[in-house]
Amino acid sequence: MAETLVIIDYGSGNLRSVEKAAERAAREAGLARHVDVSDDPAVIRNADRLLLPGVGAFAACMAGLAARSGMLEAIEHVALVEQRPFLGICVGMQLLAAQGLEYGSNSGLGWIQGTVTPLNATPTHRSPHMGWNDVHAVAPHTVFDGLDGEAFYFAHSYHFDLENDAHRLAVVQHGRSINALVGRDNIIGAQFHPEKSQRAGLRFLTNFLRWTP
């Protein structure tokens, strides 16, 4: 029986491109994975893997999750109680933090301690950080196998400032070192967009679909 990856629909947008990329990654790798997009807590609760995308502002995305009855509880059941594989992308990665400072101070999920803070623009490094940039591993992890030094696509003006360096898995340089991949246990967050990152992005999604924490 095929495993189910559920992409969480909480009104953030960009879901179809993530869905298509995950389906292609599974198909090309010959993996039996069913990809579903859902805002139904019952569907989310029964997922074998969860993917939390994110486009827009931290506070709006967190409010979108909280506004759907039973959704946060279902997500926490899968990720924290059942400890099934969980991936957050872009703002979905930032929501793993305890706090976000975009448009005031707002609470996040608090699964990985840290704060989402503004990128500091410089004459040579603008904010937002947009486009292709090389990502370098700082700690080995299955989801980043074969990808050290590969270029991924970024589009963000805030970044995840970690409290614990042990949760840093990969970095990107944009004026300074920025956390590009974070994680602990069964939880992974990517600041880049794998669905926009061509072959490297497909490899990353394939690694996630194969990952058994």
C-alpha atoms as a PDB file:
ATOM      1  CA  MET A   1       0.000   0.000   0.000  1.00  0.00           C
ATOM      2  CA  ALA A   2       1.312   3.445  -0.955  1.00  0.00           C
ATOM      3  CA  GLU A   3       2.366   5.881   1.731  1.00  0.00           C
ATOM      4  CA  THR A   4       0.491   9.180   1.798  1.00  0.00           C
ATOM      5  CA  LEU A   5       2.199  12.570   1.795  1.00  0.00           C
ATOM      6  CA  VAL A   6      -0.271  15.269   2.782  1.00  0.00           C
ATOM      7  CA  ILE A   7       0.490  18.853   1.783  1.00  0.00           C
ATOM      8  CA  ILE A   8      -1.267  21.047   4.335  1.00  0.00           C
ATOM      9  CA  ASP A   9      -3.700  23.536   2.790  1.00  0.00           C
ATOM     10  CA  TYR A  10      -4.217  26.501   5.105  1.00  0.00           C
ATOM     11  CA  GLY A  11      -4.623  29.188   2.469  1.00  0.00           C
ATOM     12  CA  SER A  12      -0.953  29.986   1.913  1.00  0.00           C
ATOM     13  CA  GLY A  13      -0.966  29.450  -1.852  1.00  0.00           C
ATOM     14  CA  ASN A  14       1.683  27.788  -4.043  1.00  0.00           C
ATOM     15  CA  LEU A  15       0.210  24.357  -3.323  1.00  0.00           C
ATOM     16  CA  ARG A  16      -0.141  23.063  -6.867  1.00  0.00           C
ATOM     17  CA  SER A  17       3.539  23.533  -7.737  1.00  0.00           C
ATOM     18  CA  VAL A  18       4.587  21.760  -4.525  1.00  0.00           C
ATOM     19  CA  GLU A  19       2.129  18.940  -5.229  1.00  0.00           C
ATOM     20  CA  LYS A  20       3.354  18.479  -8.798  1.00  0.00           C
ATOM     21  CA  ALA A  21       7.018  18.489  -7.712  1.00  0.00           C
ATOM     22  CA  ALA A  22       6.382  15.875  -4.997  1.00  0.00           C
ATOM     23  CA  GLU A  23       4.431  13.688  -7.415  1.00  0.00           C
ATOM     24  CA  ARG A  24       7.232  13.923  -9.986  1.00  0.00           C
ATOM     25  CA  ALA A  25       9.907  13.134  -7.378  1.00  0.00           C
ATOM     26  CA  ALA A  26       8.017  10.020  -6.290  1.00  0.00           C
ATOM     27  CA  ARG A  27       7.316   8.905  -9.855  1.00  0.00           C
ATOM     28  CA  GLU A  28      10.879   9.334 -11.130  1.00  0.00           C
ATOM     29  CA  ALA A  29      12.297   7.553  -8.077  1.00  0.00           C
ATOM     30  CA  GLY A  30       9.826   4.681  -8.442  1.00  0.00           C
ATOM     31  CA  LEU A  31       8.394   5.294  -4.962  1.00  0.00           C
ATOM     32  CA  ALA A  32       4.870   4.226  -4.022  1.00  0.00           C
ATOM     33  CA  ARG A  33       3.719   7.549  -2.602  1.00  0.00           C
ATOM     34  CA  HIS A  34       0.284   9.128  -2.852  1.00  0.00           C
ATOM     35  CA  VAL A  35       0.351  12.933  -2.682  1.00  0.00           C
ATOM     36  CA  ASP A  36      -2.721  14.700  -1.318  1.00  0.00           C
ATOM     37  CA  VAL A  37      -3.473  18.383  -0.643  1.00  0.00           C
ATOM     38  CA  SER A  38      -5.894  18.795   2.238  1.00  0.00           C
ATOM     39  CA  ASP A  39      -7.280  21.124   4.883  1.00  0.00           C
ATOM     40  CA  ASP A  40      -9.152  18.252   6.568  1.00  0.00           C
ATOM     41  CA  PRO A  41      -7.764  17.483  10.049  1.00  0.00           C
ATOM     42  CA  ALA A  42      -8.838  13.837   9.705  1.00  0.00           C
ATOM     43  CA  VAL A  43      -6.830  13.440   6.486  1.00  0.00           C
ATOM     44  CA  ILE A  44      -3.850  15.225   8.025  1.00  0.00           C
ATOM     45  CA  ARG A  45      -3.975  13.050  11.135  1.00  0.00           C
ATOM     46  CA  ASN A  46      -3.747   9.872   9.017  1.00  0.00           C
ATOM     47  CA  ALA A  47      -0.840  11.055   6.842  1.00  0.00           C
ATOM     48  CA  ASP A  48       2.366   9.064   6.708  1.00  0.00           C
ATOM     49  CA  ARG A  49       4.285  12.290   5.992  1.00  0.00           C
ATOM     50  CA  LEU A  50       3.403  15.961   6.215  1.00  0.00           C
ATOM     51  CA  LEU A  51       4.592  18.932   4.177  1.00  0.00           C
ATOM     52  CA  LEU A  52       3.856  22.474   5.357  1.00  0.00           C
ATOM     53  CA  PRO A  53       4.391  25.030   2.561  1.00  0.00           C
ATOM     54  CA  GLY A  54       4.407  28.748   3.148  1.00  0.00           C
ATOM     55  CA  VAL A  55       4.053  31.917   1.094  1.00  0.00           C
ATOM     56  CA  GLY A  56       3.518  35.327   2.662  1.00  0.00           C
ATOM     57  CA  ALA A  57       3.948  36.743   6.143  1.00  0.00           C
ATOM     58  CA  PHE A  58       4.702  34.706   9.277  1.00  0.00           C
ATOM     59  CA  ALA A  59       1.735  36.042  11.280  1.00  0.00           C
ATOM     60  CA  ALA A  60      -0.775  35.530   8.461  1.00  0.00           C
ATOM     61  CA  CYS A  61       0.386  31.952   7.879  1.00  0.00           C
ATOM     62  CA  MET A  62       0.243  31.111  11.580  1.00  0.00           C
ATOM     63  CA  ALA A  63      -3.230  32.658  11.777  1.00  0.00           C
ATOM     64  CA  GLY A  64      -4.307  30.563   8.804  1.00  0.00           C
ATOM     65  CA  LEU A  65      -3.285  27.392  10.611  1.00  0.00           C
ATOM     66  CA  ALA A  66      -5.002  28.431  13.836  1.00  0.00           C
ATOM     67  CA  ALA A  67      -8.214  29.455  12.072  1.00  0.00           C
ATOM     68  CA  ARG A  68      -8.989  25.937  10.850  1.00  0.00           C
ATOM     69  CA  SER A  69     -10.647  23.943  13.619  1.00  0.00           C
ATOM     70  CA  GLY A  70      -8.603  20.916  14.636  1.00  0.00           C
ATOM     71  CA  MET A  71      -5.788  21.519  12.143  1.00  0.00           C
ATOM     72  CA  LEU A  72      -3.034  22.431  14.610  1.00  0.00           C
ATOM     73  CA  GLU A  73      -3.977  19.514  16.833  1.00  0.00           C
ATOM     74  CA  ALA A  74      -3.844  17.112  13.876  1.00  0.00           C
ATOM     75  CA  ILE A  75      -0.457  18.435  12.733  1.00  0.00           C
ATOM     76  CA  GLU A  76       0.975  18.167  16.248  1.00  0.00           C
ATOM     77  CA  HIS A  77      -0.364  14.617  16.577  1.00  0.00           C
ATOM     78  CA  VAL A  78       1.444  13.511  13.409  1.00  0.00           C
ATOM     79  CA  ALA A  79       4.696  15.390  14.003  1.00  0.00           C
ATOM     80  CA  LEU A  80       5.091  15.323  17.782  1.00  0.00           C
ATOM     81  CA  VAL A  81       3.120  12.299  19.011  1.00  0.00           C
ATOM     82  CA  GLU A  82       3.465   9.840  16.128  1.00  0.00           C
ATOM     83  CA  GLN A  83       6.789  11.416  15.068  1.00  0.00           C
ATOM     84  CA  ARG A  84       6.215  10.854  11.373  1.00  0.00           C
ATOM     85  CA  PRO A  85       8.384  12.751   8.842  1.00  0.00           C
ATOM     86  CA  PHE A  86       7.546  16.456   8.653  1.00  0.00           C
ATOM     87  CA  LEU A  87       8.904  19.046   6.195  1.00  0.00           C
ATOM     88  CA  GLY A  88       8.317  22.807   6.319  1.00  0.00           C
ATOM     89  CA  ILE A  89       9.180  24.936   3.268  1.00  0.00           C
ATOM     90  CA  CYS A  90      10.038  28.677   3.309  1.00  0.00           C
ATOM     91  CA  VAL A  91       7.538  30.294   5.705  1.00  0.00           C
ATOM     92  CA  GLY A  92       6.494  26.746   6.597  1.00  0.00           C
ATOM     93  CA  MET A  93      10.050  26.296   7.863  1.00  0.00           C
ATOM     94  CA  GLN A  94       9.967  29.615   9.724  1.00  0.00           C
ATOM     95  CA  LEU A  95       6.759  28.616  11.520  1.00  0.00           C
ATOM     96  CA  LEU A  96       8.765  25.923  13.326  1.00  0.00           C
ATOM     97  CA  ALA A  97      10.329  28.734  15.373  1.00  0.00           C
ATOM     98  CA  ALA A  98       9.088  29.890  18.754  1.00  0.00           C
ATOM     99  CA  GLN A  99       8.670  33.484  17.584  1.00  0.00           C
ATOM    100  CA  GLY A 100       8.512  35.575  14.419  1.00  0.00           C
ATOM    101  CA  LEU A 101       9.192  39.322  14.273  1.00  0.00           C
ATOM    102  CA  GLU A 102       7.448  40.099  10.977  1.00  0.00           C
ATOM    103  CA  TYR A 103       4.791  42.813  11.596  1.00  0.00           C
ATOM    104  CA  GLY A 104       5.261  42.610  15.360  1.00  0.00           C
ATOM    105  CA  SER A 105       6.081  39.711  17.637  1.00  0.00           C
ATOM    106  CA  ASN A 106       4.068  36.563  16.906  1.00  0.00           C
ATOM    107  CA  SER A 107       4.226  33.056  18.336  1.00  0.00           C
ATOM    108  CA  GLY A 108       5.146  30.160  16.069  1.00  0.00           C
ATOM    109  CA  LEU A 109       4.837  26.418  16.569  1.00  0.00           C
ATOM    110  CA  GLY A 110       7.874  26.389  18.859  1.00  0.00           C
ATOM    111  CA  TRP A 111       9.105  22.980  17.705  1.00  0.00           C
ATOM    112  CA  ILE A 112      12.635  24.275  17.092  1.00  0.00           C
ATOM    113  CA  GLN A 113      13.726  27.074  19.411  1.00  0.00           C
ATOM    114  CA  GLY A 114      14.691  30.325  17.748  1.00  0.00           C
ATOM    115  CA  THR A 115      13.359  33.571  16.309  1.00  0.00           C
ATOM    116  CA  VAL A 116      12.526  34.606  12.751  1.00  0.00           C
ATOM    117  CA  THR A 117      14.192  37.977  12.214  1.00  0.00           C
ATOM    118  CA  PRO A 118      14.606  40.386   9.260  1.00  0.00           C
ATOM    119  CA  LEU A 119      17.438  40.021   6.803  1.00  0.00           C
ATOM    120  CA  ASN A 120      19.707  43.041   7.007  1.00  0.00           C
ATOM    121  CA  ALA A 121      20.121  44.503   3.536  1.00  0.00           C
ATOM    122  CA  THR A 122      23.552  45.763   2.476  1.00  0.00           C
ATOM    123  CA  PRO A 123      24.706  47.556  -0.688  1.00  0.00           C
ATOM    124  CA  THR A 124      25.771  44.194  -2.127  1.00  0.00           C
ATOM    125  CA  HIS A 125      23.163  41.888  -0.559  1.00  0.00           C
ATOM    126  CA  ARG A 126      19.577  42.996  -0.923  1.00  0.00           C
ATOM    127  CA  SER A 127      16.466  42.025   0.962  1.00  0.00           C
ATOM    128  CA  PRO A 128      14.525  40.057  -0.062  1.00  0.00           C
ATOM    129  CA  HIS A 129      17.035  37.339  -0.857  1.00  0.00           C
ATOM    130  CA  MET A 130      15.742  36.140  -4.205  1.00  0.00           C
ATOM    131  CA  GLY A 131      17.152  33.745  -6.775  1.00  0.00           C
ATOM    132  CA  TRP A 132      19.617  30.881  -6.921  1.00  0.00           C
ATOM    133  CA  ASN A 133      22.247  30.373  -4.259  1.00  0.00           C
ATOM    134  CA  ASP A 134      24.537  27.517  -3.227  1.00  0.00           C
ATOM    135  CA  VAL A 135      23.630  25.609  -0.080  1.00  0.00           C
ATOM    136  CA  HIS A 136      26.352  23.951   1.997  1.00  0.00           C
ATOM    137  CA  ALA A 137      25.844  21.211   4.563  1.00  0.00           C
ATOM    138  CA  VAL A 138      27.168  21.714   8.083  1.00  0.00           C
ATOM    139  CA  ALA A 139      25.866  18.396   9.449  1.00  0.00           C
ATOM    140  CA  PRO A 140      25.010  15.167   7.609  1.00  0.00           C
ATOM    141  CA  HIS A 141      21.345  14.377   7.070  1.00  0.00           C
ATOM    142  CA  THR A 142      19.473  11.942   4.840  1.00  0.00           C
ATOM    143  CA  VAL A 143      17.324  14.644   3.245  1.00  0.00           C
ATOM    144  CA  PHE A 144      20.444  16.459   1.991  1.00  0.00           C
ATOM    145  CA  ASP A 145      22.335  13.415   0.701  1.00  0.00           C
ATOM    146  CA  GLY A 146      24.142  14.193  -2.555  1.00  0.00           C
ATOM    147  CA  LEU A 147      23.225  17.886  -2.435  1.00  0.00           C
ATOM    148  CA  ASP A 148      26.102  19.623  -0.640  1.00  0.00           C
ATOM    149  CA  GLY A 149      27.051  22.709  -2.651  1.00  0.00           C
ATOM    150  CA  GLU A 150      24.045  22.529  -4.994  1.00  0.00           C
ATOM    151  CA  ALA A 151      22.116  25.679  -5.908  1.00  0.00           C
ATOM    152  CA  PHE A 152      18.539  26.122  -4.708  1.00  0.00           C
ATOM    153  CA  TYR A 153      15.975  28.855  -5.276  1.00  0.00           C
ATOM    154  CA  PHE A 154      15.288  31.338  -2.466  1.00  0.00           C
ATOM    155  CA  ALA A 155      12.640  34.045  -1.976  1.00  0.00           C
ATOM    156  CA  HIS A 156      12.546  35.490   1.546  1.00  0.00           C
ATOM    157  CA  SER A 157      13.166  38.652   3.551  1.00  0.00           C
ATOM    158  CA  TYR A 158      13.258  37.020   7.016  1.00  0.00           C
ATOM    159  CA  HIS A 159      15.424  34.201   8.318  1.00  0.00           C
ATOM    160  CA  PHE A 160      15.410  31.640  11.127  1.00  0.00           C
ATOM    161  CA  ASP A 161      17.895  32.567  13.866  1.00  0.00           C
ATOM    162  CA  LEU A 162      18.419  29.356  15.865  1.00  0.00           C
ATOM    163  CA  GLU A 163      18.998  29.150  19.611  1.00  0.00           C
ATOM    164  CA  ASN A 164      20.748  25.778  19.321  1.00  0.00           C
ATOM    165  CA  ASP A 165      23.412  25.316  16.638  1.00  0.00           C
ATOM    166  CA  ALA A 166      22.811  21.552  16.757  1.00  0.00           C
ATOM    167  CA  HIS A 167      19.616  22.194  14.769  1.00  0.00           C
ATOM    168  CA  ARG A 168      21.555  23.782  11.869  1.00  0.00           C
ATOM    169  CA  LEU A 169      21.929  21.333   8.958  1.00  0.00           C
ATOM    170  CA  ALA A 170      22.893  23.576   6.019  1.00  0.00           C
ATOM    171  CA  VAL A 171      23.627  27.240   5.328  1.00  0.00           C
ATOM    172  CA  VAL A 172      23.597  29.737   2.489  1.00  0.00           C
ATOM    173  CA  GLN A 173      25.688  32.897   2.177  1.00  0.00           C
ATOM    174  CA  HIS A 174      23.836  36.179   1.650  1.00  0.00           C
ATOM    175  CA  GLY A 175      25.863  38.914   3.265  1.00  0.00           C
ATOM    176  CA  ARG A 176      26.424  36.460   6.086  1.00  0.00           C
ATOM    177  CA  SER A 177      25.680  32.830   6.841  1.00  0.00           C
ATOM    178  CA  ILE A 178      21.919  32.132   6.864  1.00  0.00           C
ATOM    179  CA  ASN A 179      20.258  28.921   7.989  1.00  0.00           C
ATOM    180  CA  ALA A 180      19.003  27.185   4.853  1.00  0.00           C
ATOM    181  CA  LEU A 181      18.079  23.822   6.397  1.00  0.00           C
ATOM    182  CA  VAL A 182      17.170  23.141  10.019  1.00  0.00           C
ATOM    183  CA  GLY A 183      15.921  20.082  11.823  1.00  0.00           C
ATOM    184  CA  ARG A 184      15.620  17.824  14.808  1.00  0.00           C
ATOM    185  CA  ASP A 185      14.357  14.265  15.161  1.00  0.00           C
ATOM    186  CA  ASN A 186      11.604  13.757  12.534  1.00  0.00           C
ATOM    187  CA  ILE A 187      11.226  17.482  11.721  1.00  0.00           C
ATOM    188  CA  ILE A 188      12.967  19.278   8.843  1.00  0.00           C
ATOM    189  CA  GLY A 189      12.652  22.845   7.587  1.00  0.00           C
ATOM    190  CA  ALA A 190      14.015  24.264   4.320  1.00  0.00           C
ATOM    191  CA  GLN A 191      14.278  28.017   3.686  1.00  0.00           C
ATOM    192  CA  PHE A 192      14.650  27.398  -0.055  1.00  0.00           C
ATOM    193  CA  HIS A 193      11.887  26.288  -2.430  1.00  0.00           C
ATOM    194  CA  PRO A 194      12.583  22.724  -3.645  1.00  0.00           C
ATOM    195  CA  GLU A 195       9.598  22.901  -5.997  1.00  0.00           C
ATOM    196  CA  LYS A 196      11.365  25.767  -7.842  1.00  0.00           C
ATOM    197  CA  SER A 197      14.866  24.277  -7.667  1.00  0.00           C
ATOM    198  CA  GLN A 198      14.770  21.925 -10.662  1.00  0.00           C
ATOM    199  CA  ARG A 199      16.865  18.740 -10.354  1.00  0.00           C
ATOM    200  CA  ALA A 200      18.340  19.602  -6.952  1.00  0.00           C
ATOM    201  CA  GLY A 201      14.859  20.270  -5.625  1.00  0.00           C
ATOM    202  CA  LEU A 202      13.545  16.970  -6.957  1.00  0.00           C
ATOM    203  CA  ARG A 203      16.469  15.148  -5.353  1.00  0.00           C
ATOM    204  CA  PHE A 204      15.711  16.870  -2.053  1.00  0.00           C
ATOM    205  CA  LEU A 205      12.033  15.889  -2.208  1.00  0.00           C
ATOM    206  CA  THR A 206      12.970  12.325  -3.148  1.00  0.00           C
ATOM    207  CA  ASN A 207      15.272  12.143  -0.134  1.00  0.00           C
ATOM    208  CA  PHE A 208      12.440  13.384   2.076  1.00  0.00           C
ATOM    209  CA  LEU A 209      10.004  10.821   0.654  1.00  0.00           C
ATOM    210  CA  ARG A 210      12.504   8.052   1.397  1.00  0.00           C
ATOM    211  CA  TRP A 211      13.537   9.320   4.836  1.00  0.00           C
ATOM    212  CA  THR A 212      12.759   7.150   7.829  1.00  0.00           C
ATOM    213  CA  PRO A 213      13.682   9.083  11.001  1.00  0.00           C
END
